[in-house]
Each structure stands twice: as structure tokens, then as C-alpha cells.
Amino acid sequence: MAAIPAEKRINPASLNLKEQVISINRVTKVVKGGKNLSFSALVVVGDPDVKVVGFGMGKAREVPAAIKKGIEAAKKNLRKVNVLATTISHTVEGRFGSGLVLLKPAPEGTGVIAGGPVRAVIQAAGIPNVLTKSIGSHNPHNVLRATIDALEQLRDRQAVADLRGLPVEKL
């Protein structure tokens, strides 16, 4: 997981973050004396009002401790999502490993058409209307990172206008 530089980091103290556990996995490490059991938790946190979302993974001997570590990691990994009032601005495709997630804009009243990790990320980011399709890997880690990759590709109209050297009205 690539860490966000300190100057671009979003302060989690000023946000009203909601956390959601995506998956809990029981993992074992084989040692000389037998097997050491621990739990790994994949967590998404976000503030739907500010359109901020982040994810993290925590590993510990007990499930609550793993979830707590995941939440702390997710707070260090927050990012802003560029969206319109009710949906995303354009179709995007996110990829991580063999996980592929397609996000499409949807009209008002459609709701979030998504399942599993994609739904958790979209709801944490506060996008009310979007159509999604998860293609390829169904591994929660890969699908989650592919969804975050797709959300990072979204650009607002002002940024695209500045990039192209045009006024916003010409787009």
C-alpha cells in the first residue's frame, strides 16, 4: 500500500468518519511449536459529506484488535473523490491485479448498484447514484483496490479545463 505524502494527507480529526469492515480472514503461521493463529481485517473508512474515502488492513491475535489497526491504517490513507452532486462525472475502469471494476454514472434515483467491497467503498465515499460491474478477480483486496483506483481517475471539470487550456463552458 503506497502511503500518501504528509503534505497531501487529509486530517481525520476534522471529519465524521464511518468505518465498515470488508473482510476478516483467519491466517496461520507455521512455527516449530505448531501453528500461530491470527486475524487480518480489511476496513474502509469514509466521510460521505466531504467525499473522502480510505482503506486499511490490520492484523492481530484477536478480531477487534485487527479491526482497530485496520481503521488506524485507513485514517492514514484518506483521499478526496471528485464527484458531481448525485453521481460520478464519467465512466471509469479501475484495475488492480486481475481485479477490474467498472463505474458508470447513473440518473437520480438509481441508487448504488454494487455488491461486496465495491458497495462499501462507494457508500463510504458518499456517491448516491452509480452503476458498477466487478470483472475478473473476486478477491476482496483486489476488488477494493481496483475500486479506489477507479475513483482516483475521476477528474472535476475545472481540472480538465485547466489541463486542456480551455474555459469550463467549452467542455
Protein backbone atom coordinates (compact mmCIF):
# COMPACT_ATOMS: atom_id res chain seq x y z
CA MET A 1 0.00 0.00 0.00
CA ALA A 2 1.58 3.25 -1.14
CA ALA A 3 1.50 5.83 1.62
CA ILE A 4 0.21 9.32 0.86
CA PRO A 5 2.85 12.05 1.40
CA ALA A 6 2.47 14.02 4.64
CA GLU A 7 1.71 17.34 2.88
CA LYS A 8 -1.21 15.80 0.90
CA ARG A 9 -2.66 13.90 3.85
CA ILE A 10 -6.22 14.66 4.96
CA ASN A 11 -6.65 15.27 8.68
CA PRO A 12 -9.04 12.57 10.01
CA ALA A 13 -9.76 14.50 13.23
CA SER A 14 -11.83 17.11 11.38
CA LEU A 15 -14.03 14.50 9.62
CA ASN A 16 -17.08 12.49 10.67
CA LEU A 17 -15.71 9.10 9.57
CA LYS A 18 -17.82 5.98 9.28
CA GLU A 19 -16.00 2.67 9.20
CA GLN A 20 -17.04 -0.60 7.59
CA VAL A 21 -15.33 -3.98 7.76
CA ILE A 22 -14.98 -5.59 4.32
CA SER A 23 -13.48 -8.93 5.26
CA ILE A 24 -11.94 -10.76 8.19
CA ASN A 25 -9.53 -13.54 7.38
CA ARG A 26 -8.10 -16.16 9.73
CA VAL A 27 -4.41 -16.60 8.97
CA THR A 28 -1.90 -19.03 10.45
CA LYS A 29 1.86 -19.04 10.62
CA VAL A 30 3.51 -22.43 10.96
CA VAL A 31 6.32 -22.39 13.51
CA LYS A 32 8.40 -25.07 15.21
CA GLY A 33 5.91 -25.46 18.06
CA GLY A 34 2.80 -25.68 15.82
CA LYS A 35 0.58 -23.02 14.26
CA ASN A 36 0.22 -19.40 15.36
CA LEU A 37 -3.31 -18.18 14.70
CA SER A 38 -4.09 -14.52 13.95
CA PHE A 39 -6.73 -12.46 12.15
CA SER A 40 -6.42 -9.97 9.32
CA ALA A 41 -9.13 -7.33 8.77
CA LEU A 42 -9.75 -5.21 5.68
CA VAL A 43 -11.51 -1.94 6.60
CA VAL A 44 -12.92 1.05 4.67
CA VAL A 45 -13.47 4.44 6.31
CA GLY A 46 -15.05 7.49 4.76
CA ASP A 47 -16.97 10.70 5.23
CA PRO A 48 -19.88 10.78 2.74
CA ASP A 49 -20.49 14.52 3.31
CA VAL A 50 -16.95 15.57 2.34
CA LYS A 51 -16.47 12.79 -0.29
CA VAL A 52 -13.37 11.34 1.41
CA VAL A 53 -12.54 7.63 1.49
CA GLY A 54 -9.66 5.43 2.66
CA PHE A 55 -8.88 1.78 3.30
CA GLY A 56 -6.52 -0.13 5.54
CA MET A 57 -5.54 -3.57 6.72
CA GLY A 58 -4.85 -4.66 10.27
CA LYS A 59 -3.52 -7.92 11.66
CA ALA A 60 -3.67 -9.08 15.27
CA ARG A 61 -4.31 -12.09 17.52
CA GLU A 62 -7.95 -11.04 18.14
CA VAL A 63 -10.55 -9.75 15.70
CA PRO A 64 -11.35 -6.41 17.50
CA ALA A 65 -7.65 -5.52 17.67
CA ALA A 66 -7.22 -6.31 13.96
CA ILE A 67 -10.21 -4.11 13.09
CA LYS A 68 -8.85 -1.27 15.24
CA LYS A 69 -5.45 -1.49 13.49
CA GLY A 70 -7.19 -1.51 10.11
CA ILE A 71 -9.15 1.63 10.99
CA GLU A 72 -5.95 3.41 12.08
CA ALA A 73 -4.24 2.41 8.80
CA ALA A 74 -7.27 3.59 6.80
CA LYS A 75 -7.24 7.01 8.52
CA LYS A 76 -3.65 7.50 7.30
CA ASN A 77 -4.74 6.60 3.77
CA LEU A 78 -7.63 9.04 3.15
CA ARG A 79 -8.18 10.53 -0.30
CA LYS A 80 -10.65 13.01 -1.84
CA VAL A 81 -13.04 11.78 -4.55
CA ASN A 82 -14.18 14.14 -7.34
CA VAL A 83 -17.92 13.62 -7.92
CA LEU A 84 -20.89 15.57 -9.18
CA ALA A 85 -23.89 16.36 -6.95
CA THR A 86 -25.54 12.93 -7.28
CA THR A 87 -23.25 10.70 -9.36
CA ILE A 88 -19.78 10.41 -10.92
CA SER A 89 -18.84 12.61 -13.88
CA HIS A 90 -17.81 9.92 -16.37
CA THR A 91 -17.30 6.18 -16.81
CA VAL A 92 -14.07 4.85 -15.29
CA GLU A 93 -12.36 1.49 -15.12
CA GLY A 94 -10.11 0.63 -12.19
CA ARG A 95 -7.64 -2.22 -12.19
CA PHE A 96 -5.55 -3.89 -9.53
CA GLY A 97 -4.00 -7.28 -10.17
CA SER A 98 -6.64 -9.29 -12.03
CA GLY A 99 -9.45 -7.34 -10.34
CA LEU A 100 -11.28 -4.97 -12.68
CA VAL A 101 -14.06 -2.60 -11.56
CA LEU A 102 -16.21 -0.56 -13.94
CA LEU A 103 -18.03 2.51 -12.56
CA LYS A 104 -20.72 4.24 -14.65
CA PRO A 105 -22.77 7.39 -13.93
CA ALA A 106 -26.44 6.80 -13.12
CA PRO A 107 -29.50 9.07 -13.15
CA GLU A 108 -31.09 10.42 -9.97
CA GLY A 109 -32.98 7.76 -8.02
CA THR A 110 -31.00 4.77 -9.27
CA GLY A 111 -29.09 4.21 -6.04
CA VAL A 112 -25.87 2.27 -5.62
CA ILE A 113 -25.94 -0.80 -7.86
CA ALA A 114 -22.92 -2.64 -6.47
CA GLY A 115 -22.04 -5.58 -4.28
CA GLY A 116 -19.42 -6.53 -1.74
CA PRO A 117 -16.31 -4.36 -1.39
CA VAL A 118 -17.37 -2.02 -4.23
CA ARG A 119 -20.60 -1.09 -2.41
CA ALA A 120 -18.74 -0.40 0.83
CA VAL A 121 -16.25 1.96 -0.89
CA ILE A 122 -18.95 3.78 -2.90
CA GLN A 123 -21.13 4.31 0.19
CA ALA A 124 -18.14 5.44 2.28
CA ALA A 125 -17.26 7.95 -0.46
CA GLY A 126 -20.85 9.25 -0.42
CA ILE A 127 -21.82 8.65 -4.07
CA PRO A 128 -25.64 8.21 -4.10
CA ASN A 129 -26.21 7.01 -7.71
CA VAL A 130 -23.76 4.78 -9.60
CA LEU A 131 -23.75 1.58 -11.65
CA THR A 132 -20.84 -0.84 -11.12
CA LYS A 133 -19.55 -4.11 -12.50
CA SER A 134 -16.81 -6.20 -10.95
CA ILE A 135 -14.94 -8.25 -13.54
CA GLY A 136 -12.14 -10.77 -13.01
CA SER A 137 -10.87 -11.45 -9.52
CA HIS A 138 -13.37 -11.62 -6.65
CA ASN A 139 -10.64 -11.34 -4.02
CA PRO A 140 -11.84 -8.54 -1.67
CA HIS A 141 -8.37 -6.92 -1.51
CA ASN A 142 -8.02 -6.70 -5.31
CA VAL A 143 -11.62 -5.52 -5.84
CA LEU A 144 -11.25 -2.85 -3.13
CA ARG A 145 -8.00 -1.51 -4.58
CA ALA A 146 -9.44 -1.58 -8.13
CA THR A 147 -12.42 0.48 -6.91
CA ILE A 148 -10.10 3.01 -5.24
CA ASP A 149 -8.06 3.13 -8.48
CA ALA A 150 -11.24 3.90 -10.46
CA LEU A 151 -12.29 6.65 -8.02
CA GLU A 152 -8.83 8.25 -8.26
CA GLN A 153 -9.21 8.51 -12.05
CA LEU A 154 -12.25 10.79 -11.69
CA ARG A 155 -11.50 14.41 -12.55
CA ASP A 156 -13.58 17.51 -11.92
CA ARG A 157 -14.50 19.86 -14.78
CA GLN A 158 -12.21 22.67 -13.60
CA ALA A 159 -9.12 20.40 -13.51
CA VAL A 160 -9.82 19.08 -17.03
CA ALA A 161 -10.41 22.63 -18.34
CA ASP A 162 -7.10 23.81 -16.85
CA LEU A 163 -5.30 20.79 -18.31
CA ARG A 164 -6.65 21.48 -21.78
CA GLY A 165 -6.27 25.26 -21.53
CA LEU A 166 -9.96 25.86 -22.22
CA PRO A 167 -12.71 27.67 -20.32
CA VAL A 168 -15.10 25.37 -18.43
CA GLU A 169 -18.01 26.32 -20.72
CA LYS A 170 -16.22 24.80 -23.78
CA LEU A 171 -16.06 21.29 -22.29
